[in-house]
Amino acid sequence: MFVVKTQILENYGAHCEDGKFSSGNAYWKFKGGNEYIVSDVTRASDAMAFVAAKFSENNISFKEFPSEVMTWQEWQNELMGVDEGYREFLCEQAIACSPIKQMEAA
């Protein structure tokens, strides 16, 4: 099992203008991201590719893309370094997914 973290970018320039670089209206800001717990894969690259294919977004106002992948155990170790309330929040917000279960649901 792997955990894939994503990065989100929001284009504030697309809220009131066209948001394009060519017109000088792009104003991208880093936002948070999501953590996807990917089961039913055996390689980190497969987990990252699945999240990219299933959950990435790329438009004039919003982008979400994979930025990091780690094993389940590495994620658990990382969580031990944060306070308990934040750790609970991260675990509750994590999105469980699987390419196998995705195919079964289709």
C-alpha atoms as a PDB file:
ATOM      1  CA  MET A   1       0.000   0.000   0.000  1.00  0.00           C
ATOM      2  CA  PHE A   2       1.223   3.490  -0.881  1.00  0.00           C
ATOM      3  CA  VAL A   3       0.293   7.056  -0.041  1.00  0.00           C
ATOM      4  CA  VAL A   4       0.382   9.628  -2.830  1.00  0.00           C
ATOM      5  CA  LYS A   5       0.363  13.274  -1.855  1.00  0.00           C
ATOM      6  CA  THR A   6      -0.864  15.916  -4.276  1.00  0.00           C
ATOM      7  CA  GLN A   7      -0.244  19.630  -4.642  1.00  0.00           C
ATOM      8  CA  ILE A   8      -3.048  22.041  -5.470  1.00  0.00           C
ATOM      9  CA  LEU A   9      -2.610  25.383  -7.224  1.00  0.00           C
ATOM     10  CA  GLU A  10      -5.399  27.945  -7.500  1.00  0.00           C
ATOM     11  CA  ASN A  11      -5.414  30.790 -10.026  1.00  0.00           C
ATOM     12  CA  TYR A  12      -6.861  33.823  -8.282  1.00  0.00           C
ATOM     13  CA  GLY A  13      -6.653  35.663 -11.590  1.00  0.00           C
ATOM     14  CA  ALA A  14      -9.366  33.400 -12.991  1.00  0.00           C
ATOM     15  CA  HIS A  15     -11.890  34.544 -10.372  1.00  0.00           C
ATOM     16  CA  CYS A  16     -12.381  38.038 -11.753  1.00  0.00           C
ATOM     17  CA  GLU A  17     -10.349  38.110 -14.982  1.00  0.00           C
ATOM     18  CA  ASP A  18      -9.474  35.578 -17.689  1.00  0.00           C
ATOM     19  CA  GLY A  19      -6.606  34.165 -15.593  1.00  0.00           C
ATOM     20  CA  LYS A  20      -4.246  33.903 -18.558  1.00  0.00           C
ATOM     21  CA  PHE A  21      -0.514  34.545 -18.505  1.00  0.00           C
ATOM     22  CA  SER A  22      -0.753  36.144 -21.953  1.00  0.00           C
ATOM     23  CA  SER A  23      -3.024  38.907 -20.639  1.00  0.00           C
ATOM     24  CA  GLY A  24      -1.099  39.351 -17.383  1.00  0.00           C
ATOM     25  CA  ASN A  25      -3.992  38.048 -15.306  1.00  0.00           C
ATOM     26  CA  ALA A  26      -2.486  34.801 -13.999  1.00  0.00           C
ATOM     27  CA  TYR A  27      -2.048  34.776 -10.226  1.00  0.00           C
ATOM     28  CA  TRP A  28      -1.334  31.215  -9.120  1.00  0.00           C
ATOM     29  CA  LYS A  29      -1.042  30.372  -5.423  1.00  0.00           C
ATOM     30  CA  PHE A  30      -0.010  27.147  -3.789  1.00  0.00           C
ATOM     31  CA  LYS A  31      -2.779  25.601  -1.721  1.00  0.00           C
ATOM     32  CA  GLY A  32      -2.817  22.383   0.240  1.00  0.00           C
ATOM     33  CA  GLY A  33      -3.265  19.020  -1.352  1.00  0.00           C
ATOM     34  CA  ASN A  34      -4.753  15.609  -0.735  1.00  0.00           C
ATOM     35  CA  GLU A  35      -3.375  12.326   0.453  1.00  0.00           C
ATOM     36  CA  TYR A  36      -4.533   9.228  -1.421  1.00  0.00           C
ATOM     37  CA  ILE A  37      -4.073   5.817   0.175  1.00  0.00           C
ATOM     38  CA  VAL A  38      -3.653   3.501  -2.801  1.00  0.00           C
ATOM     39  CA  SER A  39      -4.105  -0.242  -2.313  1.00  0.00           C
ATOM     40  CA  ASP A  40      -3.830  -3.142  -4.778  1.00  0.00           C
ATOM     41  CA  VAL A  41      -0.572  -1.957  -6.383  1.00  0.00           C
ATOM     42  CA  THR A  42       2.942  -3.217  -5.739  1.00  0.00           C
ATOM     43  CA  ARG A  43       5.031  -0.318  -7.042  1.00  0.00           C
ATOM     44  CA  ALA A  44       5.201   3.323  -6.015  1.00  0.00           C
ATOM     45  CA  SER A  45       5.197   4.392  -9.662  1.00  0.00           C
ATOM     46  CA  ASP A  46       1.921   2.527 -10.265  1.00  0.00           C
ATOM     47  CA  ALA A  47       0.319   4.270  -7.279  1.00  0.00           C
ATOM     48  CA  MET A  48       1.436   7.680  -8.509  1.00  0.00           C
ATOM     49  CA  ALA A  49       0.303   6.984 -12.080  1.00  0.00           C
ATOM     50  CA  PHE A  50      -3.115   5.823 -10.863  1.00  0.00           C
ATOM     51  CA  VAL A  51      -3.629   8.963  -8.780  1.00  0.00           C
ATOM     52  CA  ALA A  52      -2.487  11.133 -11.694  1.00  0.00           C
ATOM     53  CA  ALA A  53      -4.920   9.432 -14.075  1.00  0.00           C
ATOM     54  CA  LYS A  54      -7.881   9.341 -11.692  1.00  0.00           C
ATOM     55  CA  PHE A  55      -7.617  12.526  -9.647  1.00  0.00           C
ATOM     56  CA  SER A  56      -5.442  15.103 -11.446  1.00  0.00           C
ATOM     57  CA  GLU A  57      -7.049  18.299 -12.643  1.00  0.00           C
ATOM     58  CA  ASN A  58      -5.617  20.898 -14.982  1.00  0.00           C
ATOM     59  CA  ASN A  59      -7.646  23.937 -15.973  1.00  0.00           C
ATOM     60  CA  ILE A  60      -7.357  27.724 -15.987  1.00  0.00           C
ATOM     61  CA  SER A  61      -8.411  28.125 -12.358  1.00  0.00           C
ATOM     62  CA  PHE A  62      -7.297  24.958 -10.562  1.00  0.00           C
ATOM     63  CA  LYS A  63      -4.601  22.328 -10.811  1.00  0.00           C
ATOM     64  CA  GLU A  64      -4.038  19.193  -8.717  1.00  0.00           C
ATOM     65  CA  PHE A  65      -1.163  16.853  -9.435  1.00  0.00           C
ATOM     66  CA  PRO A  66       0.844  14.153  -7.603  1.00  0.00           C
ATOM     67  CA  SER A  67       3.903  15.527  -5.852  1.00  0.00           C
ATOM     68  CA  GLU A  68       5.144  12.719  -3.592  1.00  0.00           C
ATOM     69  CA  VAL A  69       4.696   8.994  -3.043  1.00  0.00           C
ATOM     70  CA  MET A  70       5.651   6.907  -0.039  1.00  0.00           C
ATOM     71  CA  THR A  71       4.914   3.534   1.474  1.00  0.00           C
ATOM     72  CA  TRP A  72       2.132   3.169   4.022  1.00  0.00           C
ATOM     73  CA  GLN A  73       4.758   2.607   6.730  1.00  0.00           C
ATOM     74  CA  GLU A  74       6.700   5.738   5.761  1.00  0.00           C
ATOM     75  CA  TRP A  75       3.454   7.732   6.005  1.00  0.00           C
ATOM     76  CA  GLN A  76       2.704   6.238   9.417  1.00  0.00           C
ATOM     77  CA  ASN A  77       6.204   7.184  10.593  1.00  0.00           C
ATOM     78  CA  GLU A  78       5.723  10.715   9.270  1.00  0.00           C
ATOM     79  CA  LEU A  79       2.408  11.016  11.113  1.00  0.00           C
ATOM     80  CA  MET A  80       4.090  10.126  14.389  1.00  0.00           C
ATOM     81  CA  GLY A  81       5.977  13.419  14.125  1.00  0.00           C
ATOM     82  CA  VAL A  82       2.840  15.613  14.242  1.00  0.00           C
ATOM     83  CA  ASP A  83       0.516  16.359  17.126  1.00  0.00           C
ATOM     84  CA  GLU A  84      -2.349  13.979  17.780  1.00  0.00           C
ATOM     85  CA  GLY A  85      -5.174  16.274  16.654  1.00  0.00           C
ATOM     86  CA  TYR A  86      -3.525  17.023  13.319  1.00  0.00           C
ATOM     87  CA  ARG A  87      -2.659  13.335  12.845  1.00  0.00           C
ATOM     88  CA  GLU A  88      -6.334  12.408  13.339  1.00  0.00           C
ATOM     89  CA  PHE A  89      -7.371  15.109  10.870  1.00  0.00           C
ATOM     90  CA  LEU A  90      -4.938  13.827   8.213  1.00  0.00           C
ATOM     91  CA  CYS A  91      -6.118  10.241   8.645  1.00  0.00           C
ATOM     92  CA  GLU A  92      -9.786  11.267   8.395  1.00  0.00           C
ATOM     93  CA  GLN A  93      -9.152  13.343   5.262  1.00  0.00           C
ATOM     94  CA  ALA A  94      -7.053  10.731   3.441  1.00  0.00           C
ATOM     95  CA  ILE A  95      -8.827   9.259   0.403  1.00  0.00           C
ATOM     96  CA  ALA A  96      -8.700   5.473   0.077  1.00  0.00           C
ATOM     97  CA  CYS A  97      -8.639   4.234  -3.517  1.00  0.00           C
ATOM     98  CA  SER A  98      -7.657   1.269  -5.654  1.00  0.00           C
ATOM     99  CA  PRO A  99      -7.315   0.693  -9.390  1.00  0.00           C
ATOM    100  CA  ILE A 100      -8.782  -2.805  -8.898  1.00  0.00           C
ATOM    101  CA  LYS A 101     -11.839  -1.623  -6.996  1.00  0.00           C
ATOM    102  CA  GLN A 102     -12.219   1.224  -9.503  1.00  0.00           C
ATOM    103  CA  MET A 103     -12.448  -1.292 -12.343  1.00  0.00           C
ATOM    104  CA  GLU A 104     -14.940  -3.439 -10.402  1.00  0.00           C
ATOM    105  CA  ALA A 105     -17.191  -0.439  -9.818  1.00  0.00           C
ATOM    106  CA  ALA A 106     -17.289   0.495 -13.509  1.00  0.00           C
END
